[in-house]
Structures are given as C-alpha cells and as structure tokens.
Amino acid sequence: DEVNPAYILASRILWSMVFCGGIVLLINRQDQIKAVFRDRRECLLLFI
C-alpha cells in the first residue's frame, strides 16, 4: 500500500506478460501467437 497503485498495475502487467510468455514457450504455442498477429480482428479484440 506504500507503492503507487498505478505502478503496481504496470508491474503486474509486465510480469504477467513475462510469466505467460514463458508458459506459451513451454507448452509450444508460438504458432498460435503468429496466427493471432495475422488475424486483425483477433488482435483488436485481444487489445480491447
């Protein structure tokens, strides 16, 4: 609670991405990541 909540959020986003990226690599889902980047609608939906 001494830390700025926005900073905690930013850190949570960053480290969640790193952790999830590790899982995606571990379970070999890189092709699905590439497929998302080829699908504009899916990219936009995941951005939202």
ModelCIF file with pLDDT and N, C-alpha, C, O atoms, coordinates in Angstrom:
data_MODEL
#
_entry.id   MODEL 
#
_entity.id                         1 
_entity.type                       polymer 
_entity.pdbx_number_of_molecules   1 
#
_entity_poly.entity_id                      1 
_entity_poly.type                           'polypeptide(L)' 
_entity_poly.nstd_linkage                   no 
_entity_poly.nstd_monomer                   no 
_entity_poly.pdbx_seq_one_letter_code       DEVNPAYILASRILWSMVFCGGIVLLINRQDQIKAVFRDRRECLLLFI 
_entity_poly.pdbx_seq_one_letter_code_can   DEVNPAYILASRILWSMVFCGGIVLLINRQDQIKAVFRDRRECLLLFI 
_entity_poly.pdbx_strand_id                 A 
#
loop_
_entity_poly_seq.entity_id 
_entity_poly_seq.num 
_entity_poly_seq.mon_id 
_entity_poly_seq.hetero 
1 1  ASP n 
1 2  GLU n 
1 3  VAL n 
1 4  ASN n 
1 5  PRO n 
1 6  ALA n 
1 7  TYR n 
1 8  ILE n 
1 9  LEU n 
1 10 ALA n 
1 11 SER n 
1 12 ARG n 
1 13 ILE n 
1 14 LEU n 
1 15 TRP n 
1 16 SER n 
1 17 MET n 
1 18 VAL n 
1 19 PHE n 
1 20 CYS n 
1 21 GLY n 
1 22 GLY n 
1 23 ILE n 
1 24 VAL n 
1 25 LEU n 
1 26 LEU n 
1 27 ILE n 
1 28 ASN n 
1 29 ARG n 
1 30 GLN n 
1 31 ASP n 
1 32 GLN n 
1 33 ILE n 
1 34 LYS n 
1 35 ALA n 
1 36 VAL n 
1 37 PHE n 
1 38 ARG n 
1 39 ASP n 
1 40 ARG n 
1 41 ARG n 
1 42 GLU n 
1 43 CYS n 
1 44 LEU n 
1 45 LEU n 
1 46 LEU n 
1 47 PHE n 
1 48 ILE n 
#
_struct_asym.id          A 
_struct_asym.entity_id   1 
#
loop_
_ma_qa_metric.id 
_ma_qa_metric.mode 
_ma_qa_metric.name 
_ma_qa_metric.software_group_id 
_ma_qa_metric.type 
1 global pLDDT . pLDDT 
2 local  pLDDT . pLDDT 
#
_ma_qa_metric_global.metric_id      1 
_ma_qa_metric_global.metric_value   93.92 
_ma_qa_metric_global.model_id       1 
_ma_qa_metric_global.ordinal_id     1 
#
loop_
_ma_qa_metric_local.label_asym_id 
_ma_qa_metric_local.label_comp_id 
_ma_qa_metric_local.label_seq_id 
_ma_qa_metric_local.metric_id 
_ma_qa_metric_local.metric_value 
_ma_qa_metric_local.model_id 
_ma_qa_metric_local.ordinal_id 
A ASP 1  2 84.00 1 1  
A GLU 2  2 89.00 1 2  
A VAL 3  2 90.00 1 3  
A ASN 4  2 92.00 1 4  
A PRO 5  2 92.00 1 5  
A ALA 6  2 94.00 1 6  
A TYR 7  2 95.00 1 7  
A ILE 8  2 94.00 1 8  
A LEU 9  2 96.00 1 9  
A ALA 10 2 97.00 1 10 
A SER 11 2 96.00 1 11 
A ARG 12 2 95.00 1 12 
A ILE 13 2 97.00 1 13 
A LEU 14 2 97.00 1 14 
A TRP 15 2 96.00 1 15 
A SER 16 2 96.00 1 16 
A MET 17 2 96.00 1 17 
A VAL 18 2 97.00 1 18 
A PHE 19 2 96.00 1 19 
A CYS 20 2 94.00 1 20 
A GLY 21 2 95.00 1 21 
A GLY 22 2 95.00 1 22 
A ILE 23 2 94.00 1 23 
A VAL 24 2 93.00 1 24 
A LEU 25 2 93.00 1 25 
A LEU 26 2 94.00 1 26 
A ILE 27 2 93.00 1 27 
A ASN 28 2 91.00 1 28 
A ARG 29 2 90.00 1 29 
A GLN 30 2 90.00 1 30 
A ASP 31 2 92.00 1 31 
A GLN 32 2 92.00 1 32 
A ILE 33 2 92.00 1 33 
A LYS 34 2 93.00 1 34 
A ALA 35 2 92.00 1 35 
A VAL 36 2 92.00 1 36 
A PHE 37 2 93.00 1 37 
A ARG 38 2 94.00 1 38 
A ASP 39 2 94.00 1 39 
A ARG 40 2 94.00 1 40 
A ARG 41 2 96.00 1 41 
A GLU 42 2 95.00 1 42 
A CYS 43 2 95.00 1 43 
A LEU 44 2 96.00 1 44 
A LEU 45 2 96.00 1 45 
A LEU 46 2 97.00 1 46 
A PHE 47 2 97.00 1 47 
A ILE 48 2 97.00 1 48 
#
loop_
_atom_site.group_PDB 
_atom_site.id 
_atom_site.type_symbol 
_atom_site.label_atom_id 
_atom_site.label_alt_id 
_atom_site.label_comp_id 
_atom_site.label_asym_id 
_atom_site.label_entity_id 
_atom_site.label_seq_id 
_atom_site.pdbx_PDB_ins_code 
_atom_site.Cartn_x 
_atom_site.Cartn_y 
_atom_site.Cartn_z 
_atom_site.occupancy 
_atom_site.B_iso_or_equiv 
_atom_site.pdbx_formal_charge 
_atom_site.auth_seq_id 
_atom_site.auth_comp_id 
_atom_site.auth_asym_id 
_atom_site.auth_atom_id 
_atom_site.pdbx_PDB_model_num 
ATOM 1   N N  . ASP A 1 1  ? 0.794   -1.229  0.000   1.00 84.00 ? 1  ASP A N  1 
ATOM 2   C CA . ASP A 1 1  ? 0.000   0.000   0.000   1.00 84.00 ? 1  ASP A CA 1 
ATOM 3   C C  . ASP A 1 1  ? 0.829   1.282   0.000   1.00 84.00 ? 1  ASP A C  1 
ATOM 4   O O  . ASP A 1 1  ? 0.289   2.364   -0.233  1.00 84.00 ? 1  ASP A O  1 
ATOM 5   N N  . GLU A 1 2  ? 2.123   1.177   0.256   1.00 89.00 ? 2  GLU A N  1 
ATOM 6   C CA . GLU A 1 2  ? 3.001   2.354   0.182   1.00 89.00 ? 2  GLU A CA 1 
ATOM 7   C C  . GLU A 1 2  ? 3.394   2.659   -1.272  1.00 89.00 ? 2  GLU A C  1 
ATOM 8   O O  . GLU A 1 2  ? 3.898   3.740   -1.576  1.00 89.00 ? 2  GLU A O  1 
ATOM 9   N N  . VAL A 1 3  ? 3.155   1.694   -2.154  1.00 90.00 ? 3  VAL A N  1 
ATOM 10  C CA . VAL A 1 3  ? 3.532   1.839   -3.560  1.00 90.00 ? 3  VAL A CA 1 
ATOM 11  C C  . VAL A 1 3  ? 2.333   2.388   -4.334  1.00 90.00 ? 3  VAL A C  1 
ATOM 12  O O  . VAL A 1 3  ? 1.190   2.017   -4.068  1.00 90.00 ? 3  VAL A O  1 
ATOM 13  N N  . ASN A 1 4  ? 2.600   3.267   -5.285  1.00 92.00 ? 4  ASN A N  1 
ATOM 14  C CA . ASN A 1 4  ? 1.564   3.829   -6.141  1.00 92.00 ? 4  ASN A CA 1 
ATOM 15  C C  . ASN A 1 4  ? 0.789   2.699   -6.831  1.00 92.00 ? 4  ASN A C  1 
ATOM 16  O O  . ASN A 1 4  ? 1.412   1.846   -7.463  1.00 92.00 ? 4  ASN A O  1 
ATOM 17  N N  . PRO A 1 5  ? -0.553  2.663   -6.730  1.00 92.00 ? 5  PRO A N  1 
ATOM 18  C CA . PRO A 1 5  ? -1.335  1.590   -7.356  1.00 92.00 ? 5  PRO A CA 1 
ATOM 19  C C  . PRO A 1 5  ? -1.100  1.476   -8.867  1.00 92.00 ? 5  PRO A C  1 
ATOM 20  O O  . PRO A 1 5  ? -1.116  0.373   -9.412  1.00 92.00 ? 5  PRO A O  1 
ATOM 21  N N  . ALA A 1 6  ? -0.884  2.606   -9.543  1.00 94.00 ? 6  ALA A N  1 
ATOM 22  C CA . ALA A 1 6  ? -0.623  2.559   -10.987 1.00 94.00 ? 6  ALA A CA 1 
ATOM 23  C C  . ALA A 1 6  ? 0.706   1.859   -11.276 1.00 94.00 ? 6  ALA A C  1 
ATOM 24  O O  . ALA A 1 6  ? 0.837   1.153   -12.276 1.00 94.00 ? 6  ALA A O  1 
ATOM 25  N N  . TYR A 1 7  ? 1.685   2.059   -10.399 1.00 95.00 ? 7  TYR A N  1 
ATOM 26  C CA . TYR A 1 7  ? 2.977   1.385   -10.565 1.00 95.00 ? 7  TYR A CA 1 
ATOM 27  C C  . TYR A 1 7  ? 2.829   -0.117  -10.332 1.00 95.00 ? 7  TYR A C  1 
ATOM 28  O O  . TYR A 1 7  ? 3.435   -0.922  -11.040 1.00 95.00 ? 7  TYR A O  1 
ATOM 29  N N  . ILE A 1 8  ? 2.029   -0.489  -9.347  1.00 94.00 ? 8  ILE A N  1 
ATOM 30  C CA . ILE A 1 8  ? 1.765   -1.912  -9.091  1.00 94.00 ? 8  ILE A CA 1 
ATOM 31  C C  . ILE A 1 8  ? 1.092   -2.527  -10.312 1.00 94.00 ? 8  ILE A C  1 
ATOM 32  O O  . ILE A 1 8  ? 1.452   -3.625  -10.737 1.00 94.00 ? 8  ILE A O  1 
ATOM 33  N N  . LEU A 1 9  ? 0.109   -1.817  -10.876 1.00 96.00 ? 9  LEU A N  1 
ATOM 34  C CA . LEU A 1 9  ? -0.586  -2.311  -12.066 1.00 96.00 ? 9  LEU A CA 1 
ATOM 35  C C  . LEU A 1 9  ? 0.391   -2.492  -13.227 1.00 96.00 ? 9  LEU A C  1 
ATOM 36  O O  . LEU A 1 9  ? 0.391   -3.530  -13.888 1.00 96.00 ? 9  LEU A O  1 
ATOM 37  N N  . ALA A 1 10 ? 1.218   -1.485  -13.469 1.00 97.00 ? 10 ALA A N  1 
ATOM 38  C CA . ALA A 1 10 ? 2.185   -1.575  -14.568 1.00 97.00 ? 10 ALA A CA 1 
ATOM 39  C C  . ALA A 1 10 ? 3.124   -2.762  -14.361 1.00 97.00 ? 10 ALA A C  1 
ATOM 40  O O  . ALA A 1 10 ? 3.438   -3.482  -15.309 1.00 97.00 ? 10 ALA A O  1 
ATOM 41  N N  . SER A 1 11 ? 3.564   -2.962  -13.136 1.00 96.00 ? 11 SER A N  1 
ATOM 42  C CA . SER A 1 11 ? 4.440   -4.093  -12.834 1.00 96.00 ? 11 SER A CA 1 
ATOM 43  C C  . SER A 1 11 ? 3.706   -5.418  -13.018 1.00 96.00 ? 11 SER A C  1 
ATOM 44  O O  . SER A 1 11 ? 4.273   -6.388  -13.521 1.00 96.00 ? 11 SER A O  1 
ATOM 45  N N  . ARG A 1 12 ? 2.444   -5.449  -12.606 1.00 95.00 ? 12 ARG A N  1 
ATOM 46  C CA . ARG A 1 12 ? 1.663   -6.680  -12.764 1.00 95.00 ? 12 ARG A CA 1 
ATOM 47  C C  . ARG A 1 12 ? 1.495   -7.018  -14.240 1.00 95.00 ? 12 ARG A C  1 
ATOM 48  O O  . ARG A 1 12 ? 1.607   -8.181  -14.627 1.00 95.00 ? 12 ARG A O  1 
ATOM 49  N N  . ILE A 1 13 ? 1.229   -6.018  -15.056 1.00 97.00 ? 13 ILE A N  1 
ATOM 50  C CA . ILE A 1 13 ? 1.092   -6.251  -16.496 1.00 97.00 ? 13 ILE A CA 1 
ATOM 51  C C  . ILE A 1 13 ? 2.401   -6.793  -17.071 1.00 97.00 ? 13 ILE A C  1 
ATOM 52  O O  . ILE A 1 13 ? 2.407   -7.797  -17.783 1.00 97.00 ? 13 ILE A O  1 
ATOM 53  N N  . LEU A 1 14 ? 3.504   -6.120  -16.757 1.00 97.00 ? 14 LEU A N  1 
ATOM 54  C CA . LEU A 1 14 ? 4.801   -6.517  -17.288 1.00 97.00 ? 14 LEU A CA 1 
ATOM 55  C C  . LEU A 1 14 ? 5.160   -7.948  -16.877 1.00 97.00 ? 14 LEU A C  1 
ATOM 56  O O  . LEU A 1 14 ? 5.512   -8.767  -17.726 1.00 97.00 ? 14 LEU A O  1 
ATOM 57  N N  . TRP A 1 15 ? 5.074   -8.248  -15.590 1.00 96.00 ? 15 TRP A N  1 
ATOM 58  C CA . TRP A 1 15 ? 5.492   -9.566  -15.123 1.00 96.00 ? 15 TRP A CA 1 
ATOM 59  C C  . TRP A 1 15 ? 4.491   -10.649 -15.496 1.00 96.00 ? 15 TRP A C  1 
ATOM 60  O O  . TRP A 1 15 ? 4.876   -11.808 -15.646 1.00 96.00 ? 15 TRP A O  1 
ATOM 61  N N  . SER A 1 16 ? 3.224   -10.304 -15.650 1.00 96.00 ? 16 SER A N  1 
ATOM 62  C CA . SER A 1 16 ? 2.247   -11.279 -16.159 1.00 96.00 ? 16 SER A CA 1 
ATOM 63  C C  . SER A 1 16 ? 2.584   -11.656 -17.594 1.00 96.00 ? 16 SER A C  1 
ATOM 64  O O  . SER A 1 16 ? 2.499   -12.823 -17.977 1.00 96.00 ? 16 SER A O  1 
ATOM 65  N N  . MET A 1 17 ? 2.972   -10.641 -18.397 1.00 96.00 ? 17 MET A N  1 
ATOM 66  C CA . MET A 1 17 ? 3.359   -10.912 -19.778 1.00 96.00 ? 17 MET A CA 1 
ATOM 67  C C  . MET A 1 17 ? 4.589   -11.811 -19.832 1.00 96.00 ? 17 MET A C  1 
ATOM 68  O O  . MET A 1 17 ? 4.638   -12.748 -20.628 1.00 96.00 ? 17 MET A O  1 
ATOM 69  N N  . VAL A 1 18 ? 5.573   -11.534 -18.999 1.00 97.00 ? 18 VAL A N  1 
ATOM 70  C CA . VAL A 1 18 ? 6.791   -12.355 -18.971 1.00 97.00 ? 18 VAL A CA 1 
ATOM 71  C C  . VAL A 1 18 ? 6.447   -13.788 -18.550 1.00 97.00 ? 18 VAL A C  1 
ATOM 72  O O  . VAL A 1 18 ? 6.886   -14.745 -19.188 1.00 97.00 ? 18 VAL A O  1 
ATOM 73  N N  . PHE A 1 19 ? 5.667   -13.934 -17.485 1.00 96.00 ? 19 PHE A N  1 
ATOM 74  C CA . PHE A 1 19 ? 5.288   -15.250 -16.992 1.00 96.00 ? 19 PHE A CA 1 
ATOM 75  C C  . PHE A 1 19 ? 4.477   -16.025 -18.036 1.00 96.00 ? 19 PHE A C  1 
ATOM 76  O O  . PHE A 1 19 ? 4.756   -17.191 -18.314 1.00 96.00 ? 19 PHE A O  1 
ATOM 77  N N  . CYS A 1 20 ? 3.470   -15.359 -18.606 1.00 94.00 ? 20 CYS A N  1 
ATOM 78  C CA . CYS A 1 20 ? 2.627   -16.020 -19.618 1.00 94.00 ? 20 CYS A CA 1 
ATOM 79  C C  . CYS A 1 20 ? 3.431   -16.332 -20.877 1.00 94.00 ? 20 CYS A C  1 
ATOM 80  O O  . CYS A 1 20 ? 3.212   -17.360 -21.519 1.00 94.00 ? 20 CYS A O  1 
ATOM 81  N N  . GLY A 1 21 ? 4.362   -15.445 -21.229 1.00 95.00 ? 21 GLY A N  1 
ATOM 82  C CA . GLY A 1 21 ? 5.237   -15.718 -22.368 1.00 95.00 ? 21 GLY A CA 1 
ATOM 83  C C  . GLY A 1 21 ? 6.058   -16.974 -22.138 1.00 95.00 ? 21 GLY A C  1 
ATOM 84  O O  . GLY A 1 21 ? 6.242   -17.772 -23.057 1.00 95.00 ? 21 GLY A O  1 
ATOM 85  N N  . GLY A 1 22 ? 6.551   -17.156 -20.925 1.00 95.00 ? 22 GLY A N  1 
ATOM 86  C CA . GLY A 1 22 ? 7.283   -18.370 -20.581 1.00 95.00 ? 22 GLY A CA 1 
ATOM 87  C C  . GLY A 1 22 ? 6.408   -19.612 -20.710 1.00 95.00 ? 22 GLY A C  1 
ATOM 88  O O  . GLY A 1 22 ? 6.860   -20.648 -21.199 1.00 95.00 ? 22 GLY A O  1 
ATOM 89  N N  . ILE A 1 23 ? 5.172   -19.507 -20.278 1.00 94.00 ? 23 ILE A N  1 
ATOM 90  C CA . ILE A 1 23 ? 4.243   -20.650 -20.387 1.00 94.00 ? 23 ILE A CA 1 
ATOM 91  C C  . ILE A 1 23 ? 3.961   -20.958 -21.850 1.00 94.00 ? 23 ILE A C  1 
ATOM 92  O O  . ILE A 1 23 ? 3.950   -22.120 -22.255 1.00 94.00 ? 23 ILE A O  1 
ATOM 93  N N  . VAL A 1 24 ? 3.731   -19.902 -22.653 1.00 93.00 ? 24 VAL A N  1 
ATOM 94  C CA . VAL A 1 24 ? 3.470   -20.090 -24.083 1.00 93.00 ? 24 VAL A CA 1 
ATOM 95  C C  . VAL A 1 24 ? 4.648   -20.805 -24.749 1.00 93.00 ? 24 VAL A C  1 
ATOM 96  O O  . VAL A 1 24 ? 4.451   -21.691 -25.580 1.00 93.00 ? 24 VAL A O  1 
ATOM 97  N N  . LEU A 1 25 ? 5.859   -20.420 -24.384 1.00 93.00 ? 25 LEU A N  1 
ATOM 98  C CA . LEU A 1 25 ? 7.052   -21.105 -24.922 1.00 93.00 ? 25 LEU A CA 1 
ATOM 99  C C  . LEU A 1 25 ? 7.138   -22.541 -24.421 1.00 93.00 ? 25 LEU A C  1 
ATOM 100 O O  . LEU A 1 25 ? 7.438   -23.458 -25.186 1.00 93.00 ? 25 LEU A O  1 
ATOM 101 N N  . LEU A 1 26 ? 6.874   -22.728 -23.140 1.00 94.00 ? 26 LEU A N  1 
ATOM 102 C CA . LEU A 1 26 ? 6.968   -24.049 -22.529 1.00 94.00 ? 26 LEU A CA 1 
ATOM 103 C C  . LEU A 1 26 ? 5.991   -25.042 -23.153 1.00 94.00 ? 26 LEU A C  1 
ATOM 104 O O  . LEU A 1 26 ? 6.340   -26.200 -23.382 1.00 94.00 ? 26 LEU A O  1 
ATOM 105 N N  . ILE A 1 27 ? 4.769   -24.591 -23.427 1.00 93.00 ? 27 ILE A N  1 
ATOM 106 C CA . ILE A 1 27 ? 3.765   -25.503 -23.994 1.00 93.00 ? 27 ILE A CA 1 
ATOM 107 C C  . ILE A 1 27 ? 3.694   -25.400 -25.518 1.00 93.00 ? 27 ILE A C  1 
ATOM 108 O O  . ILE A 1 27 ? 2.792   -25.948 -26.151 1.00 93.00 ? 27 ILE A O  1 
ATOM 109 N N  . ASN A 1 28 ? 4.659   -24.691 -26.087 1.00 91.00 ? 28 ASN A N  1 
ATOM 110 C CA . ASN A 1 28 ? 4.841   -24.638 -27.532 1.00 91.00 ? 28 ASN A CA 1 
ATOM 111 C C  . ASN A 1 28 ? 3.615   -24.092 -28.281 1.00 91.00 ? 28 ASN A C  1 
ATOM 112 O O  . ASN A 1 28 ? 3.066   -24.757 -29.160 1.00 91.00 ? 28 ASN A O  1 
ATOM 113 N N  . ARG A 1 29 ? 3.199   -22.875 -27.918 1.00 90.00 ? 29 ARG A N  1 
ATOM 114 C CA . ARG A 1 29 ? 2.054   -22.228 -28.568 1.00 90.00 ? 29 ARG A CA 1 
ATOM 115 C C  . ARG A 1 29 ? 2.485   -21.054 -29.462 1.00 90.00 ? 29 ARG A C  1 
ATOM 116 O O  . ARG A 1 29 ? 1.674   -20.177 -29.762 1.00 90.00 ? 29 ARG A O  1 
ATOM 117 N N  . GLN A 1 30 ? 3.746   -21.033 -29.884 1.00 90.00 ? 30 GLN A N  1 
ATOM 118 C CA . GLN A 1 30 ? 4.254   -19.928 -30.683 1.00 90.00 ? 30 GLN A CA 1 
ATOM 119 C C  . GLN A 1 30 ? 3.483   -19.787 -32.005 1.00 90.00 ? 30 GLN A C  1 
ATOM 120 O O  . GLN A 1 30 ? 3.266   -18.670 -32.476 1.00 90.00 ? 30 GLN A O  1 
ATOM 121 N N  . ASP A 1 31 ? 3.069   -20.911 -32.601 1.00 92.00 ? 31 ASP A N  1 
ATOM 122 C CA . ASP A 1 31 ? 2.308   -20.845 -33.856 1.00 92.00 ? 31 ASP A CA 1 
ATOM 123 C C  . ASP A 1 31 ? 0.973   -20.132 -33.644 1.00 92.00 ? 31 ASP A C  1 
ATOM 124 O O  . ASP A 1 31 ? 0.508   -19.404 -34.521 1.00 92.00 ? 31 ASP A O  1 
ATOM 125 N N  . GLN A 1 32 ? 0.364   -20.340 -32.488 1.00 92.00 ? 32 GLN A N  1 
ATOM 126 C CA . GLN A 1 32 ? -0.906  -19.669 -32.203 1.00 92.00 ? 32 GLN A CA 1 
ATOM 127 C C  . GLN A 1 32 ? -0.702  -18.162 -32.027 1.00 92.00 ? 32 GLN A C  1 
ATOM 128 O O  . GLN A 1 32 ? -1.567  -17.368 -32.397 1.00 92.00 ? 32 GLN A O  1 
ATOM 129 N N  . ILE A 1 33 ? 0.443   -17.772 -31.463 1.00 92.00 ? 33 ILE A N  1 
ATOM 130 C CA . ILE A 1 33 ? 0.759   -16.342 -31.333 1.00 92.00 ? 33 ILE A CA 1 
ATOM 131 C C  . ILE A 1 33 ? 0.889   -15.729 -32.725 1.00 92.00 ? 33 ILE A C  1 
ATOM 132 O O  . ILE A 1 33 ? 0.356   -14.651 -32.986 1.00 92.00 ? 33 ILE A O  1 
ATOM 133 N N  . LYS A 1 34 ? 1.602   -16.422 -33.621 1.00 93.00 ? 34 LYS A N  1 
ATOM 134 C CA . LYS A 1 34 ? 1.756   -15.933 -35.005 1.00 93.00 ? 34 LYS A CA 1 
ATOM 135 C C  . LYS A 1 34 ? 0.399   -15.815 -35.691 1.00 93.00 ? 34 LYS A C  1 
ATOM 136 O O  . LYS A 1 34 ? 0.149   -14.861 -36.428 1.00 93.00 ? 34 LYS A O  1 
ATOM 137 N N  . ALA A 1 35 ? -0.479  -16.791 -35.444 1.00 92.00 ? 35 ALA A N  1 
ATOM 138 C CA . ALA A 1 35 ? -1.821  -16.762 -36.040 1.00 92.00 ? 35 ALA A CA 1 
ATOM 139 C C  . ALA A 1 35 ? -2.613  -15.552 -35.549 1.00 92.00 ? 35 ALA A C  1 
ATOM 140 O O  . ALA A 1 35 ? -3.365  -14.950 -36.315 1.00 92.00 ? 35 ALA A O  1 
ATOM 141 N N  . VAL A 1 36 ? -2.448  -15.197 -34.287 1.00 92.00 ? 36 VAL A N  1 
ATOM 142 C CA . VAL A 1 36 ? -3.138  -14.013 -33.752 1.00 92.00 ? 36 VAL A CA 1 
ATOM 143 C C  . VAL A 1 36 ? -2.675  -12.766 -34.488 1.00 92.00 ? 36 VAL A C  1 
ATOM 144 O O  . VAL A 1 36 ? -3.495  -11.929 -34.863 1.00 92.00 ? 36 VAL A O  1 
ATOM 145 N N  . PHE A 1 37 ? -1.371  -12.631 -34.698 1.00 93.00 ? 37 PHE A N  1 
ATOM 146 C CA . PHE A 1 37 ? -0.844  -11.449 -35.380 1.00 93.00 ? 37 PHE A CA 1 
ATOM 147 C C  . PHE A 1 37 ? -1.320  -11.358 -36.831 1.00 93.00 ? 37 PHE A C  1 
ATOM 148 O O  . PHE A 1 37 ? -1.358  -10.264 -37.394 1.00 93.00 ? 37 PHE A O  1 
ATOM 149 N N  . ARG A 1 38 ? -1.687  -12.494 -37.450 1.00 94.00 ? 38 ARG A N  1 
ATOM 150 C CA . ARG A 1 38 ? -2.197  -12.482 -38.823 1.00 94.00 ? 38 ARG A CA 1 
ATOM 151 C C  . ARG A 1 38 ? -3.695  -12.169 -38.881 1.00 94.00 ? 38 ARG A C  1 
ATOM 152 O O  . ARG A 1 38 ? -4.222  -11.886 -39.957 1.00 94.00 ? 38 ARG A O  1 
ATOM 153 N N  . ASP A 1 39 ? -4.377  -12.217 -37.755 1.00 94.00 ? 39 ASP A N  1 
ATOM 154 C CA . ASP A 1 39 ? -5.826  -12.017 -37.695 1.00 94.00 ? 39 ASP A CA 1 
ATOM 155 C C  . ASP A 1 39 ? -6.115  -10.664 -37.040 1.00 94.00 ? 39 ASP A C  1 
ATOM 156 O O  . ASP A 1 39 ? -6.067  -10.535 -35.817 1.00 94.00 ? 39 ASP A O  1 
ATOM 157 N N  . ARG A 1 40 ? -6.417  -9.654  -37.872 1.00 94.00 ? 40 ARG A N  1 
ATOM 158 C CA . ARG A 1 40 ? -6.629  -8.296  -37.356 1.00 94.00 ? 40 ARG A CA 1 
ATOM 159 C C  . ARG A 1 40 ? -7.749  -8.224  -36.325 1.00 94.00 ? 40 ARG A C  1 
ATOM 160 O O  . ARG A 1 40 ? -7.622  -7.549  -35.303 1.00 94.00 ? 40 ARG A O  1 
ATOM 161 N N  . ARG A 1 41 ? -8.844  -8.925  -36.602 1.00 96.00 ? 41 ARG A N  1 
ATOM 162 C CA . ARG A 1 41 ? -9.992  -8.893  -35.682 1.00 96.00 ? 41 ARG A CA 1 
ATOM 163 C C  . ARG A 1 41 ? -9.596  -9.459  -34.322 1.00 96.00 ? 41 ARG A C  1 
ATOM 164 O O  . ARG A 1 41 ? -9.925  -8.887  -33.283 1.00 96.00 ? 41 ARG A O  1 
ATOM 165 N N  . GLU A 1 42 ? -8.887  -10.591 -34.336 1.00 95.00 ? 42 GLU A N  1 
ATOM 166 C CA . GLU A 1 42 ? -8.457  -11.223 -33.089 1.00 95.00 ? 42 GLU A CA 1 
ATOM 167 C C  . GLU A 1 42 ? -7.485  -10.308 -32.337 1.00 95.00 ? 42 GLU A C  1 
ATOM 168 O O  . GLU A 1 42 ? -7.558  -10.181 -31.115 1.00 95.00 ? 42 GLU A O  1 
ATOM 169 N N  . CYS A 1 43 ? -6.578  -9.678  -33.080 1.00 95.00 ? 43 CYS A N  1 
ATOM 170 C CA . CYS A 1 43 ? -5.625  -8.743  -32.454 1.00 95.00 ? 43 CYS A CA 1 
ATOM 171 C C  . CYS A 1 43 ? -6.365  -7.592  -31.775 1.00 95.00 ? 43 CYS A C  1 
ATOM 172 O O  . CYS A 1 43 ? -6.082  -7.245  -30.629 1.00 95.00 ? 43 CYS A O  1 
ATOM 173 N N  . LEU A 1 44 ? -7.305  -7.016  -32.493 1.00 96.00 ? 44 LEU A N  1 
ATOM 174 C CA . LEU A 1 44 ? -8.072  -5.889  -31.940 1.00 96.00 ? 44 LEU A CA 1 
ATOM 175 C C  . LEU A 1 44 ? -8.867  -6.325  -30.721 1.00 96.00 ? 44 LEU A C  1 
ATOM 176 O O  . LEU A 1 44 ? -8.909  -5.623  -29.710 1.00 96.00 ? 44 LEU A O  1 
ATOM 177 N N  . LEU A 1 45 ? -9.494  -7.481  -30.821 1.00 96.00 ? 45 LEU A N  1 
ATOM 178 C CA . LEU A 1 45 ? -10.288 -7.994  -29.700 1.00 96.00 ? 45 LEU A CA 1 
ATOM 179 C C  . LEU A 1 45 ? -9.407  -8.228  -28.476 1.00 96.00 ? 45 LEU A C  1 
ATOM 180 O O  . LEU A 1 45 ? -9.798  -7.883  -27.361 1.00 96.00 ? 45 LEU A O  1 
ATOM 181 N N  . LEU A 1 46 ? -8.232  -8.804  -28.669 1.00 97.00 ? 46 LEU A N  1 
ATOM 182 C CA . LEU A 1 46 ? -7.331  -9.049  -27.541 1.00 97.00 ? 46 LEU A CA 1 
ATOM 183 C C  . LEU A 1 46 ? -6.765  -7.749  -26.989 1.00 97.00 ? 46 LEU A C  1 
ATOM 184 O O  . LEU A 1 46 ? -6.497  -7.656  -25.791 1.00 97.00 ? 46 LEU A O  1 
ATOM 185 N N  . PHE A 1 47 ? -6.579  -6.742  -27.840 1.00 97.00 ? 47 PHE A N  1 
ATOM 186 C CA . PHE A 1 47 ? -6.142  -5.432  -27.366 1.00 97.00 ? 47 PHE A CA 1 
ATOM 187 C C  . PHE A 1 47 ? -7.216  -4.819  -26.456 1.00 97.00 ? 47 PHE A C  1 
ATOM 188 O O  . PHE A 1 47 ? -6.906  -4.292  -25.388 1.00 97.00 ? 47 PHE A O  1 
ATOM 189 N N  . ILE A 1 48 ? -8.471  -4.894  -26.888 1.00 97.00 ? 48 ILE A N  1 
ATOM 190 C CA . ILE A 1 48 ? -9.576  -4.355  -26.076 1.00 97.00 ? 48 ILE A CA 1 
ATOM 191 C C  . ILE A 1 48 ? -9.712  -5.161  -24.776 1.00 97.00 ? 48 ILE A C  1 
ATOM 192 O O  . ILE A 1 48 ? -10.582 -4.868  -23.956 1.00 97.00 ? 48 ILE A O  1 
#
